[in-house]
Protein backbone atom coordinates (compact mmCIF):
# COMPACT_ATOMS: atom_id res chain seq x y z
CA MET A 1 143.60 122.02 75.41
CA ARG A 2 145.27 119.05 77.12
CA LYS A 3 145.51 121.31 80.57
CA LEU A 4 141.82 122.32 80.15
CA VAL A 5 140.74 118.79 80.04
CA PHE A 6 142.70 117.60 82.89
CA ALA A 7 141.52 120.53 84.91
CA CYS A 8 137.91 119.61 84.20
CA LEU A 9 138.43 115.92 85.04
CA PHE A 10 140.44 116.74 88.18
CA GLY A 11 137.70 119.05 89.47
CA LEU A 12 135.11 116.60 88.88
CA GLY A 13 137.07 113.87 90.73
CA LEU A 14 137.29 116.25 93.47
CA VAL A 15 133.49 116.85 93.44
CA LEU A 16 132.91 112.97 93.67
CA THR A 17 135.45 112.30 96.40
CA GLY A 18 133.96 114.93 98.59
CA LEU A 19 137.29 117.03 98.61
CA LEU A 20 135.87 120.13 96.70
CA VAL A 21 133.60 121.98 99.21
CA HIS A 22 130.42 122.47 97.28
CA PRO A 23 127.40 123.39 99.00
CA ALA A 24 125.08 120.51 97.91
CA LEU A 25 127.91 117.97 98.50
CA ALA A 26 128.86 119.22 102.01
CA GLN A 27 125.17 119.16 103.25
CA THR A 28 123.92 115.84 101.79
CA LYS A 29 126.54 113.44 100.47
CA GLU A 30 126.18 111.48 103.74
CA ASP A 31 122.24 112.19 103.99
CA VAL A 32 121.75 110.41 100.75
CA GLY A 33 123.11 107.17 102.27
CA TYR A 34 125.81 106.57 99.53
CA HIS A 35 129.55 106.76 99.66
CA GLU A 36 129.62 105.95 95.96
CA ARG A 37 127.36 106.16 92.87
CA VAL A 38 125.06 103.16 92.47
CA ASP A 39 126.21 101.81 88.92
CA TYR A 40 123.30 100.16 86.76
CA GLN A 41 124.42 98.37 83.86
CA PHE A 42 122.17 97.47 80.82
CA PRO A 43 123.38 96.23 77.21
CA GLU A 44 122.00 98.05 74.38
CA ILE A 45 118.30 97.23 73.62
CA ASP A 46 116.94 97.46 70.04
CA GLY A 47 120.22 99.05 69.08
CA GLN A 48 119.87 101.77 71.55
CA HIS A 49 121.39 103.14 74.79
CA VAL A 50 119.34 102.55 78.15
CA LEU A 51 119.17 105.40 80.56
CA VAL A 52 117.72 105.11 84.04
CA GLY A 53 115.39 107.85 84.67
CA ASP A 54 113.13 109.73 86.94
CA PHE A 55 110.70 112.40 85.76
CA HIS A 56 108.60 113.18 88.68
CA MET A 57 110.10 114.79 91.87
CA HIS A 58 110.27 117.99 94.17
CA THR A 59 112.33 120.40 96.00
CA LEU A 60 112.02 123.37 98.30
CA HIS A 61 110.57 125.35 95.27
CA SER A 62 107.29 123.36 95.99
CA ASP A 63 106.81 120.96 98.70
CA GLY A 64 109.85 118.98 98.69
CA VAL A 65 112.65 119.01 101.35
CA LEU A 66 115.92 119.33 99.36
CA THR A 67 117.26 122.19 97.33
CA PRO A 68 117.70 121.60 93.63
CA GLU A 69 121.29 121.13 93.90
CA ASP A 70 120.93 118.53 96.60
CA ARG A 71 118.13 116.52 94.83
CA VAL A 72 120.70 116.59 91.69
CA LEU A 73 123.42 115.08 93.76
CA GLU A 74 121.02 112.51 95.34
CA CYS A 75 119.74 111.38 92.02
CA TYR A 76 123.37 110.95 90.80
CA MET A 77 124.58 109.05 93.70
CA ALA A 78 121.47 106.72 93.54
CA GLY A 79 122.50 105.76 89.94
CA TYR A 80 120.00 107.79 87.88
CA ASP A 81 121.17 108.78 84.36
CA VAL A 82 118.52 111.49 83.50
CA VAL A 83 116.00 113.19 85.85
CA ALA A 84 113.46 115.93 85.57
CA ILE A 85 112.66 118.10 88.72
CA THR A 86 109.12 118.73 88.63
CA ASP A 87 107.94 121.34 91.16
CA HIS A 88 104.21 122.66 91.38
CA GLY A 89 104.14 125.41 88.94
CA SER A 90 107.76 126.19 88.94
CA VAL A 91 110.83 125.63 86.57
CA LYS A 92 113.46 127.32 88.97
CA ALA A 93 114.94 123.99 90.01
CA TYR A 94 116.26 123.32 86.48
CA ASP A 95 118.12 126.59 86.44
CA GLU A 96 119.65 126.12 89.94
CA GLY A 97 120.47 122.39 89.43
CA LYS A 98 121.86 122.56 85.75
CA ALA A 99 125.39 123.47 86.46
CA LEU A 100 125.98 120.61 88.99
CA ALA A 101 124.06 118.18 86.87
CA ASP A 102 126.39 118.90 83.92
CA SER A 103 129.67 118.57 86.11
CA LEU A 104 128.22 115.15 87.25
CA GLY A 105 127.19 113.99 83.75
CA LEU A 106 123.55 113.63 84.81
CA VAL A 107 121.17 114.63 82.13
CA LEU A 108 118.66 117.28 83.70
CA VAL A 109 115.29 117.90 81.70
CA ARG A 110 113.31 121.11 82.46
CA GLY A 111 110.30 120.21 83.93
CA LEU A 112 107.25 121.03 86.33
CA GLU A 113 104.00 119.77 87.49
CA SER A 114 100.40 121.34 87.19
CA GLY A 115 96.81 120.44 86.16
CA ILE A 116 93.26 121.12 86.38
CA ALA A 117 91.58 122.52 89.37
CA GLY A 118 90.44 119.61 91.63
CA HIS A 119 91.08 117.02 88.96
CA GLU A 120 93.96 115.93 86.75
CA HIS A 121 97.73 116.45 87.55
CA TYR A 122 99.88 116.68 84.57
CA VAL A 123 103.70 116.26 84.71
CA VAL A 124 105.33 118.63 82.08
CA ILE A 125 108.86 118.16 80.66
CA GLY A 126 110.90 119.43 77.87
CA VAL A 127 109.49 122.90 77.53
CA ASP A 128 111.85 125.58 76.66
CA GLU A 129 113.06 128.79 78.54
CA THR A 130 109.94 130.76 76.93
CA TYR A 131 107.28 128.64 78.81
CA VAL A 132 105.82 130.57 81.79
CA PRO A 133 103.79 128.43 84.15
CA GLU A 134 100.64 130.03 85.53
CA ASP A 135 97.93 128.92 87.81
CA SER A 136 99.58 125.78 88.88
CA HIS A 137 97.08 122.99 89.60
CA ASN A 138 94.27 125.51 89.23
CA TRP A 139 93.78 125.51 85.18
CA ALA A 140 90.08 126.07 84.57
CA ALA A 141 88.32 123.02 82.63
CA THR A 142 86.21 125.09 80.55
CA GLU A 143 86.33 128.63 78.66
CA GLU A 144 83.29 129.89 80.72
CA GLU A 145 85.00 128.99 83.99
CA ALA A 146 88.18 130.61 82.87
CA GLU A 147 86.37 133.89 82.14
CA GLU A 148 84.50 134.08 85.47
CA SER A 149 87.41 133.16 87.55
CA GLY A 150 90.29 134.83 85.66
CA ARG A 151 92.09 131.66 85.77
CA VAL A 152 94.08 130.27 82.46
CA PHE A 153 92.09 127.74 80.26
CA TYR A 154 93.80 124.37 80.49
CA GLN A 155 93.66 124.16 76.59
CA ASP A 156 95.66 127.28 76.34
CA LYS A 157 98.33 126.07 78.57
CA LEU A 158 98.59 122.69 76.96
CA LYS A 159 98.88 124.39 73.70
CA GLN A 160 101.58 126.61 75.04
CA ILE A 161 103.45 123.44 76.31
CA GLN A 162 103.22 122.05 73.03
CA GLU A 163 104.56 125.13 71.33
CA THR A 164 107.60 125.38 73.44
CA GLY A 165 108.81 121.81 72.68
CA GLY A 166 107.29 120.21 75.63
CA LEU A 167 105.07 117.11 76.47
CA CYS A 168 102.84 116.04 79.20
CA PHE A 169 102.10 112.64 81.02
CA TYR A 170 99.21 111.90 83.48
CA ALA A 171 100.57 111.67 86.99
CA HIS A 172 98.68 109.37 89.49
CA PRO A 173 95.93 108.97 87.27
CA HIS A 174 93.48 109.21 89.95
CA HIS A 175 90.56 111.04 88.04
CA GLY A 176 89.90 108.49 85.20
CA TRP A 177 90.00 109.16 81.46
CA ARG A 178 87.96 112.48 81.42
CA GLU A 179 87.22 114.87 78.50
CA CYS A 180 90.06 117.10 79.36
CA THR A 181 92.59 114.13 79.10
CA GLN A 182 90.91 112.99 75.89
CA TRP A 183 91.50 116.49 74.19
CA ALA A 184 95.24 116.47 75.41
CA TYR A 185 95.69 113.15 74.14
CA ASP A 186 94.05 114.07 70.59
CA GLN A 187 96.31 117.00 70.46
CA GLY A 188 99.48 114.97 70.76
CA VAL A 189 100.64 116.88 73.85
CA LEU A 190 99.65 114.15 76.42
CA VAL A 191 101.98 111.22 75.56
CA GLY A 192 102.20 108.96 78.57
CA VAL A 193 100.65 107.89 82.02
CA GLU A 194 102.35 106.75 85.31
CA VAL A 195 101.72 103.11 85.97
CA LEU A 196 103.82 103.36 89.18
CA ASN A 197 103.90 106.29 91.47
CA SER A 198 106.26 105.54 94.45
CA ALA A 199 104.74 108.16 96.72
CA THR A 200 101.26 106.67 96.38
CA THR A 201 101.19 103.95 99.19
CA GLU A 202 97.32 104.14 99.24
CA GLY A 203 94.35 106.10 97.57
CA TRP A 204 94.81 108.46 94.76
CA GLY A 205 93.21 105.93 92.34
CA SER A 206 95.80 103.29 92.83
CA VAL A 207 94.61 99.53 92.94
CA MET A 208 96.14 97.06 94.95
CA THR A 209 97.69 94.36 92.35
CA HIS A 210 101.01 92.58 92.01
CA GLY A 211 101.21 92.87 95.77
CA ARG A 212 101.37 96.73 95.71
CA PRO A 213 99.36 100.02 94.82
CA LEU A 214 99.79 100.49 91.12
CA TYR A 215 97.91 101.79 88.17
CA PRO A 216 96.83 98.88 86.03
CA HIS A 217 94.03 101.14 84.18
CA GLY A 218 96.93 103.64 83.13
CA PHE A 219 98.83 100.56 81.54
CA GLU A 220 95.88 99.59 79.98
CA TRP A 221 95.42 103.13 78.47
CA ALA A 222 98.72 103.22 77.38
CA LEU A 223 98.43 100.00 75.47
CA GLU A 224 95.17 100.86 73.96
CA ASN A 225 96.43 104.38 72.85
CA GLY A 226 99.92 103.89 71.91
CA MET A 227 101.24 106.06 75.04
CA THR A 228 104.30 105.87 77.00
CA VAL A 229 104.50 104.09 80.38
CA MET A 230 106.23 105.78 83.22
CA SER A 231 107.39 104.60 86.66
CA ILE A 232 108.43 107.52 88.78
CA SER A 233 108.91 108.41 92.40
CA ASP A 234 107.23 111.55 92.97
CA LEU A 235 109.87 112.18 95.63
CA HIS A 236 109.40 114.79 97.87
CA GLY A 237 111.47 113.57 100.92
CA ILE A 238 114.98 111.92 100.99
CA HIS A 239 115.68 108.99 98.72
CA ALA A 240 117.34 106.91 101.47
CA GLU A 241 114.03 107.31 103.44
CA THR A 242 111.59 106.35 101.09
CA PRO A 243 110.46 103.01 99.58
CA PRO A 244 112.17 101.75 96.84
CA ARG A 245 111.85 104.07 94.04
CA GLY A 246 110.34 103.67 90.56
CA LYS A 247 112.52 103.79 87.71
CA THR A 248 111.81 104.50 83.88
CA LEU A 249 114.06 102.93 81.42
CA VAL A 250 114.52 105.24 78.20
CA LEU A 251 115.99 104.04 75.11
CA VAL A 252 117.76 106.78 73.17
CA ASN A 253 120.41 107.17 70.58
CA ASP A 254 122.33 109.89 72.26
CA PRO A 255 122.20 110.80 76.15
CA THR A 256 120.80 114.38 75.69
CA ALA A 257 117.87 115.93 77.13
CA ASP A 258 116.36 116.25 73.77
CA ALA A 259 116.88 112.64 73.00
CA VAL A 260 115.21 111.84 76.12
CA VAL A 261 112.05 113.92 75.41
CA GLU A 262 111.73 112.49 72.03
CA ALA A 263 112.22 109.05 73.19
CA ILE A 264 109.47 109.57 75.52
CA ARG A 265 107.28 111.19 72.93
CA GLN A 266 107.82 108.09 70.68
CA GLN A 267 106.75 105.44 73.45
CA ARG A 268 110.40 104.17 74.06
CA THR A 269 110.24 103.59 77.60
CA LEU A 270 110.05 100.69 80.09
CA ALA A 271 108.42 100.95 83.49
CA TRP A 272 110.83 99.54 86.02
CA ILE A 273 108.77 98.74 89.17
CA PRO A 274 111.31 97.88 91.99
CA ASP A 275 110.67 95.22 94.77
CA GLY A 276 108.12 96.47 97.19
CA GLY A 277 110.71 96.44 100.05
CA GLU A 278 109.35 96.25 103.69
CA VAL A 279 106.18 98.24 102.79
CA TRP A 280 105.11 95.84 100.19
CA PRO A 281 107.15 92.62 100.88
CA GLU A 282 104.99 90.47 98.40
CA SER A 283 105.69 92.60 95.42
CA GLY A 284 108.65 91.58 93.50
CA GLU A 285 110.68 93.37 91.00
CA MET A 286 108.73 93.96 87.44
CA ILE A 287 108.93 95.61 84.18
CA TRP A 288 105.75 96.61 82.52
CA ALA A 289 105.83 97.61 78.96
CA ALA A 290 104.28 97.36 75.64
CA PRO A 291 104.78 93.83 73.95
CA ASP A 292 107.13 94.56 71.38
CA LEU A 293 109.73 96.82 73.37
CA LEU A 294 109.54 94.13 76.18
CA ARG A 295 110.26 91.43 73.92
CA ALA A 296 113.38 93.40 72.68
CA TYR A 297 114.23 93.82 76.03
CA ALA A 298 114.18 90.17 76.91
CA VAL A 299 115.98 89.14 73.70
CA ASP A 300 118.65 91.69 74.22
CA ALA A 301 119.25 91.63 77.84
CA VAL A 302 119.59 87.89 78.20
CA ASP A 303 122.25 85.72 76.41
CA VAL A 304 120.96 82.38 75.80
CA GLY A 305 123.33 79.91 74.68
CA HIS A 306 123.38 76.06 73.81
CA ARG A 307 126.01 73.66 74.99
CA THR A 308 126.47 70.09 73.32
CA LEU A 309 127.64 67.68 76.09
CA ALA A 310 129.59 64.62 76.14
CA LEU A 311 127.10 63.33 78.80
CA GLU A 312 124.74 60.73 77.06
CA GLY A 313 121.29 62.07 76.54
CA GLN A 314 121.74 65.43 77.89
CA ASP A 315 122.61 68.88 76.57
CA CYS A 316 122.62 72.23 78.36
CA LEU A 317 121.02 75.67 78.06
CA ALA A 318 123.00 78.44 79.41
CA LEU A 319 121.34 81.78 80.23
CA ARG A 320 123.08 85.21 81.38
CA ASN A 321 121.19 88.26 82.42
CA LYS A 322 123.27 91.34 81.17
CA GLY A 323 120.93 94.00 82.55
CA ALA A 324 120.32 95.46 86.06
CA VAL A 325 116.60 94.36 86.51
CA THR A 326 116.40 90.70 88.29
CA LEU A 327 114.38 88.47 85.86
CA GLU A 328 112.24 85.51 86.84
CA VAL A 329 111.76 82.87 84.11
CA ALA A 330 110.16 79.60 83.69
CA VAL A 331 112.03 77.34 81.10
CA SER A 332 110.45 74.72 78.78
CA VAL A 333 112.32 72.60 76.18
CA ASP A 334 110.22 70.94 73.50
CA GLY A 335 107.29 71.70 75.44
CA ALA A 336 108.30 70.18 78.71
CA PRO A 337 108.92 72.36 81.79
CA GLN A 338 112.51 72.12 82.87
CA ALA A 339 113.15 74.70 85.59
CA THR A 340 112.06 78.06 87.18
CA LEU A 341 115.04 80.47 87.82
CA THR A 342 116.04 83.83 89.34
CA LEU A 343 118.48 85.48 87.06
CA GLU A 344 120.74 88.06 88.78
CA GLN A 345 122.77 90.16 86.71
CA GLY A 346 126.28 89.00 85.66
CA THR A 347 125.62 85.31 86.75
CA ASP A 348 125.49 82.16 84.46
CA TYR A 349 122.87 79.75 84.67
CA PHE A 350 122.61 76.31 83.22
CA VAL A 351 119.59 74.21 82.56
CA MET A 352 120.10 70.42 81.50
CA HIS A 353 117.85 69.25 78.90
CA PRO A 354 117.63 66.25 76.68
CA LYS A 355 119.47 65.80 73.72
CA GLY A 356 117.97 66.63 70.04
CA ALA A 357 115.68 69.28 71.48
CA SER A 358 114.77 71.83 68.67
CA SER A 359 112.27 74.32 70.66
CA LEU A 360 112.81 76.41 73.76
CA SER A 361 110.17 78.55 75.65
CA LEU A 362 111.11 81.30 78.04
CA ASN A 363 108.17 82.58 80.16
CA TRP A 364 109.32 85.77 81.72
CA THR A 365 107.24 85.83 84.75
CA ASN A 366 108.03 89.42 86.01
CA LEU A 367 107.99 90.90 82.56
CA TRP A 368 104.38 92.14 82.04
CA SER A 369 102.92 92.84 78.54
CA SER A 370 99.68 93.88 79.95
CA PRO A 371 98.18 93.98 83.81
CA THR A 372 97.44 90.33 83.23
CA GLU A 373 99.77 88.89 80.76
CA THR A 374 103.55 88.08 81.10
CA LEU A 375 106.03 87.78 78.15
CA THR A 376 106.88 84.54 76.61
CA VAL A 377 109.62 84.31 73.83
CA ASP A 378 110.04 81.19 71.86
CA TYR A 379 113.28 79.90 70.39
CA ASP A 380 114.49 77.46 67.75
CA LEU A 381 117.74 75.62 67.72
CA SER A 382 119.43 76.54 64.36
CA ALA A 383 122.78 75.56 62.79
CA ARG A 384 125.31 78.33 62.53
CA GLY A 385 128.44 76.89 60.92
CA ASP A 386 129.70 74.19 63.20
CA GLU A 387 127.67 75.14 66.26
CA SER A 388 123.87 75.09 67.35
CA VAL A 389 122.53 78.37 68.45
CA TRP A 390 119.32 79.22 69.89
CA VAL A 391 117.45 81.88 67.62
CA ALA A 392 114.40 83.84 68.88
CA ALA A 393 111.48 82.97 66.81
CA GLU A 394 109.93 85.71 64.80
């Protein structure tokens, strides 16, 4: 057993260093623009592990430029923990990429993209091997249309997705909330909606807001209906040659495909919207999420400390961002504004404030609990033994 474990670890080491000639590695390790894996670090949020995911991308099995193995390697090197390859009407990429994903420790979820002829596109994830794609992006919207055209009726395919363990989210929601989407939502098979699609640089129902094209109406639907928010890439080309890529933070108990699908079903996601890069320079890094989950992120990802100083009339607030998302915060103590800070991961920040303070307010100006509202978390100064500590108010 000890020899077997060593052999597996040694083999993985060779893969990662490029010494083992794997076709995907030989073709793309330099192409993806990384010599080592990007490492996104997050603390536990609400008692759960945070996985960095992307659940909408393509390969040569539809209109992408990479093979499934190339795409898996690219995602691993770019720092992702879990991905779904979602070719149009095909799950072949899952079978072809799974072995490499497993060897790298990347969670790969079976997926595809399909939808209704001329209208909604739905991303499908989590279906088992018995699900058979049909009439990709060409499902009939009515039973009469299905009968006349010979195409599959959308309700039949959505039922099959549900019966085979899968779920859907609304991709680049450019056709509004039509009857078909309402039906899918009512059945419990449509559980989420994209609020960022990184491939959508204009059109496709996107709205210019927060300095870039986004789907604020998708965010509103998610809040109104208890749906999951998704921030994804819709990647067709090569990661290094595209604008900064949308990411979805998924809160799970275990890093498995089943746990990820269940977390998405239960709305345990945060939409990590990257800065706009050169394409959208006025758009900063953000998180969009439901208020309760967003608050849990802010409280658990940032250490908030109180330091009693010998300096007359002054004490000190200490802040430390433990998550990979850069945070913007406006600090008020006892109702008086004190500072506006940009918190990079792993750096300590200090704010002087008057002694005797009892209340603290942190307005997280890039954490959005709706398309128009940012998150504020209030703290009270409480005694804990011989120390005073800031405690998030209920």
